[in-house]
Amino acid sequence: MTPQARTVLRHLVQEGSITPMVAAGIYKVRSLPRRICDLKDAGIKVETELRKDATGQRYAFYTLPQGERRRFAHLAK
C-alpha cells in the first residue's frame, strides 16, 4: 500500500470520512479516487456517496464503515 493510501486510511479510521478537498488541503493527496481504489484493492471496504455542494458542484464523500474502523483502530494511535 502506498504511503498516501495509508495516510487516507488513517484519516478514515480517525474521522470516519474524507472528501477530495480535505485530502488535497490537509494531506496534499491530489488523486483521492486512486488512493480509495488502492484501499479497495487491499480488501478494505470504503463506501462512496456522490454529493453536491452549495454551488451544485458534485464531489465524492468517502466513508469507512464502523466495522472497518474497528478493524484498523490500531492505525489511529
N, C-alpha and C. Protein backbone atom coordinates (compact mmCIF):
# COMPACT_ATOMS: atom_id res chain seq x y z
N MET A 1 0.85 -1.18 0.00
CA MET A 1 0.00 0.00 0.00
C MET A 1 0.90 1.24 0.00
N THR A 2 0.52 2.23 -0.78
CA THR A 2 1.33 3.44 -0.89
C THR A 2 1.25 4.27 0.40
N PRO A 3 2.23 5.11 0.63
CA PRO A 3 2.18 5.98 1.82
C PRO A 3 0.93 6.88 1.82
N GLN A 4 0.54 7.38 0.66
CA GLN A 4 -0.66 8.22 0.61
C GLN A 4 -1.91 7.41 0.94
N ALA A 5 -1.98 6.18 0.48
CA ALA A 5 -3.13 5.33 0.79
C ALA A 5 -3.19 5.06 2.29
N ARG A 6 -2.05 4.84 2.92
CA ARG A 6 -2.01 4.65 4.37
C ARG A 6 -2.47 5.91 5.10
N THR A 7 -2.07 7.06 4.59
CA THR A 7 -2.49 8.33 5.19
C THR A 7 -4.00 8.50 5.09
N VAL A 8 -4.57 8.17 3.94
CA VAL A 8 -6.02 8.26 3.75
C VAL A 8 -6.72 7.28 4.68
N LEU A 9 -6.21 6.06 4.79
CA LEU A 9 -6.81 5.07 5.67
C LEU A 9 -6.76 5.55 7.12
N ARG A 10 -5.65 6.10 7.55
CA ARG A 10 -5.52 6.60 8.91
C ARG A 10 -6.56 7.70 9.17
N HIS A 11 -6.74 8.58 8.21
CA HIS A 11 -7.75 9.64 8.36
C HIS A 11 -9.15 9.04 8.44
N LEU A 12 -9.44 8.06 7.59
CA LEU A 12 -10.76 7.42 7.62
C LEU A 12 -11.02 6.73 8.95
N VAL A 13 -10.01 6.11 9.52
CA VAL A 13 -10.15 5.44 10.81
C VAL A 13 -10.43 6.48 11.91
N GLN A 14 -9.70 7.59 11.88
CA GLN A 14 -9.84 8.60 12.91
C GLN A 14 -11.12 9.41 12.77
N GLU A 15 -11.47 9.79 11.55
CA GLU A 15 -12.58 10.72 11.32
C GLU A 15 -13.84 10.06 10.77
N GLY A 16 -13.69 8.92 10.11
CA GLY A 16 -14.84 8.21 9.56
C GLY A 16 -15.16 8.54 8.12
N SER A 17 -14.71 9.72 7.64
CA SER A 17 -15.00 10.11 6.26
C SER A 17 -13.91 11.04 5.75
N ILE A 18 -13.89 11.21 4.41
CA ILE A 18 -12.94 12.12 3.78
C ILE A 18 -13.52 12.57 2.45
N THR A 19 -13.16 13.79 2.05
CA THR A 19 -13.56 14.34 0.76
C THR A 19 -12.29 14.72 0.00
N PRO A 20 -12.41 14.91 -1.31
CA PRO A 20 -11.23 15.34 -2.08
C PRO A 20 -10.64 16.66 -1.57
N MET A 21 -11.47 17.58 -1.12
CA MET A 21 -10.97 18.87 -0.62
C MET A 21 -10.12 18.68 0.64
N VAL A 22 -10.57 17.83 1.53
CA VAL A 22 -9.81 17.55 2.75
C VAL A 22 -8.50 16.85 2.40
N ALA A 23 -8.58 15.85 1.53
CA ALA A 23 -7.38 15.10 1.16
C ALA A 23 -6.33 16.00 0.51
N ALA A 24 -6.77 16.89 -0.37
CA ALA A 24 -5.84 17.79 -1.05
C ALA A 24 -5.34 18.87 -0.11
N GLY A 25 -6.24 19.44 0.68
CA GLY A 25 -5.86 20.56 1.54
C GLY A 25 -4.97 20.19 2.71
N ILE A 26 -5.26 19.07 3.35
CA ILE A 26 -4.51 18.68 4.54
C ILE A 26 -3.31 17.80 4.20
N TYR A 27 -3.53 16.82 3.32
CA TYR A 27 -2.51 15.80 3.07
C TYR A 27 -1.81 15.92 1.73
N LYS A 28 -2.24 16.87 0.90
CA LYS A 28 -1.66 17.06 -0.44
C LYS A 28 -1.87 15.83 -1.33
N VAL A 29 -2.95 15.08 -1.07
CA VAL A 29 -3.32 13.93 -1.90
C VAL A 29 -4.21 14.47 -3.00
N ARG A 30 -3.70 14.50 -4.22
CA ARG A 30 -4.43 15.08 -5.34
C ARG A 30 -5.32 14.08 -6.05
N SER A 31 -5.02 12.80 -5.91
CA SER A 31 -5.80 11.77 -6.60
C SER A 31 -6.47 10.85 -5.58
N LEU A 32 -7.42 11.41 -4.85
CA LEU A 32 -8.10 10.63 -3.83
C LEU A 32 -8.82 9.41 -4.40
N PRO A 33 -9.51 9.51 -5.55
CA PRO A 33 -10.15 8.29 -6.08
C PRO A 33 -9.17 7.14 -6.32
N ARG A 34 -7.96 7.47 -6.74
CA ARG A 34 -6.95 6.42 -6.96
C ARG A 34 -6.54 5.81 -5.63
N ARG A 35 -6.37 6.62 -4.60
CA ARG A 35 -6.00 6.09 -3.29
C ARG A 35 -7.13 5.25 -2.71
N ILE A 36 -8.38 5.63 -2.94
CA ILE A 36 -9.52 4.83 -2.49
C ILE A 36 -9.51 3.49 -3.22
N CYS A 37 -9.19 3.49 -4.51
CA CYS A 37 -9.08 2.23 -5.27
C CYS A 37 -7.97 1.36 -4.68
N ASP A 38 -6.86 1.98 -4.29
CA ASP A 38 -5.77 1.22 -3.65
C ASP A 38 -6.28 0.52 -2.39
N LEU A 39 -7.06 1.25 -1.59
CA LEU A 39 -7.59 0.67 -0.36
C LEU A 39 -8.55 -0.47 -0.66
N LYS A 40 -9.42 -0.26 -1.64
CA LYS A 40 -10.37 -1.32 -2.02
C LYS A 40 -9.64 -2.54 -2.57
N ASP A 41 -8.58 -2.31 -3.35
CA ASP A 41 -7.78 -3.42 -3.87
C ASP A 41 -7.13 -4.21 -2.75
N ALA A 42 -6.87 -3.55 -1.62
CA ALA A 42 -6.27 -4.20 -0.45
C ALA A 42 -7.33 -4.90 0.40
N GLY A 43 -8.59 -4.86 -0.04
CA GLY A 43 -9.65 -5.56 0.68
C GLY A 43 -10.35 -4.74 1.74
N ILE A 44 -10.15 -3.43 1.72
CA ILE A 44 -10.78 -2.55 2.70
C ILE A 44 -12.08 -2.02 2.12
N LYS A 45 -13.14 -2.11 2.90
CA LYS A 45 -14.46 -1.68 2.43
C LYS A 45 -14.61 -0.17 2.67
N VAL A 46 -14.64 0.58 1.59
CA VAL A 46 -14.85 2.03 1.65
C VAL A 46 -16.12 2.32 0.86
N GLU A 47 -17.02 3.08 1.48
CA GLU A 47 -18.28 3.42 0.81
C GLU A 47 -18.16 4.80 0.16
N THR A 48 -18.79 4.95 -1.01
CA THR A 48 -18.74 6.20 -1.76
C THR A 48 -20.15 6.75 -1.94
N GLU A 49 -20.30 8.02 -1.66
CA GLU A 49 -21.58 8.70 -1.87
C GLU A 49 -21.30 9.97 -2.67
N LEU A 50 -22.03 10.16 -3.75
CA LEU A 50 -21.88 11.39 -4.52
C LEU A 50 -22.79 12.45 -3.92
N ARG A 51 -22.21 13.63 -3.69
CA ARG A 51 -22.94 14.75 -3.09
C ARG A 51 -22.76 15.99 -3.96
N LYS A 52 -23.54 17.02 -3.65
CA LYS A 52 -23.39 18.31 -4.31
C LYS A 52 -23.16 19.37 -3.25
N ASP A 53 -22.24 20.29 -3.55
CA ASP A 53 -22.01 21.39 -2.61
C ASP A 53 -23.03 22.51 -2.86
N ALA A 54 -22.88 23.61 -2.17
CA ALA A 54 -23.83 24.72 -2.26
C ALA A 54 -23.91 25.33 -3.66
N THR A 55 -22.85 25.19 -4.44
CA THR A 55 -22.84 25.74 -5.80
C THR A 55 -23.31 24.74 -6.84
N GLY A 56 -23.63 23.53 -6.41
CA GLY A 56 -24.08 22.50 -7.34
C GLY A 56 -22.97 21.60 -7.86
N GLN A 57 -21.75 21.86 -7.43
CA GLN A 57 -20.61 21.04 -7.85
C GLN A 57 -20.68 19.67 -7.19
N ARG A 58 -20.54 18.61 -7.98
CA ARG A 58 -20.58 17.26 -7.43
C ARG A 58 -19.21 16.86 -6.89
N TYR A 59 -19.23 16.07 -5.83
CA TYR A 59 -17.99 15.53 -5.27
C TYR A 59 -18.30 14.20 -4.59
N ALA A 60 -17.26 13.42 -4.38
CA ALA A 60 -17.42 12.12 -3.72
C ALA A 60 -17.14 12.28 -2.23
N PHE A 61 -17.96 11.62 -1.44
CA PHE A 61 -17.82 11.61 0.02
C PHE A 61 -17.56 10.16 0.40
N TYR A 62 -16.37 9.87 0.90
CA TYR A 62 -15.96 8.51 1.20
C TYR A 62 -16.07 8.25 2.70
N THR A 63 -16.65 7.11 3.05
CA THR A 63 -16.77 6.75 4.46
C THR A 63 -16.22 5.33 4.69
N LEU A 64 -15.79 5.11 5.90
CA LEU A 64 -15.30 3.81 6.32
C LEU A 64 -16.32 3.25 7.31
N PRO A 65 -16.97 2.13 6.99
CA PRO A 65 -17.97 1.57 7.90
C PRO A 65 -17.38 1.29 9.28
N GLN A 66 -18.24 1.29 10.27
CA GLN A 66 -17.81 1.13 11.66
C GLN A 66 -16.96 -0.13 11.88
N GLY A 67 -17.36 -1.23 11.25
CA GLY A 67 -16.60 -2.47 11.41
C GLY A 67 -15.18 -2.35 10.89
N GLU A 68 -15.01 -1.64 9.78
CA GLU A 68 -13.68 -1.42 9.24
C GLU A 68 -12.88 -0.47 10.13
N ARG A 69 -13.56 0.50 10.72
CA ARG A 69 -12.86 1.42 11.63
C ARG A 69 -12.31 0.66 12.82
N ARG A 70 -13.09 -0.28 13.34
CA ARG A 70 -12.61 -1.10 14.47
C ARG A 70 -11.45 -1.98 14.02
N ARG A 71 -11.58 -2.54 12.82
CA ARG A 71 -10.55 -3.43 12.28
C ARG A 71 -9.18 -2.75 12.19
N PHE A 72 -9.19 -1.46 11.86
CA PHE A 72 -7.93 -0.72 11.68
C PHE A 72 -7.70 0.32 12.78
N ALA A 73 -8.35 0.15 13.91
CA ALA A 73 -8.24 1.12 15.00
C ALA A 73 -6.79 1.34 15.45
N HIS A 74 -5.97 0.33 15.31
CA HIS A 74 -4.56 0.45 15.73
C HIS A 74 -3.82 1.54 14.94
N LEU A 75 -4.33 1.92 13.76
CA LEU A 75 -3.69 2.95 12.95
C LEU A 75 -3.99 4.36 13.47
N ALA A 76 -5.01 4.49 14.28
CA ALA A 76 -5.42 5.80 14.77
C ALA A 76 -4.50 6.33 15.86
N LYS A 77 -3.65 5.50 16.38
CA LYS A 77 -2.79 5.90 17.50
C LYS A 77 -1.50 6.50 17.03
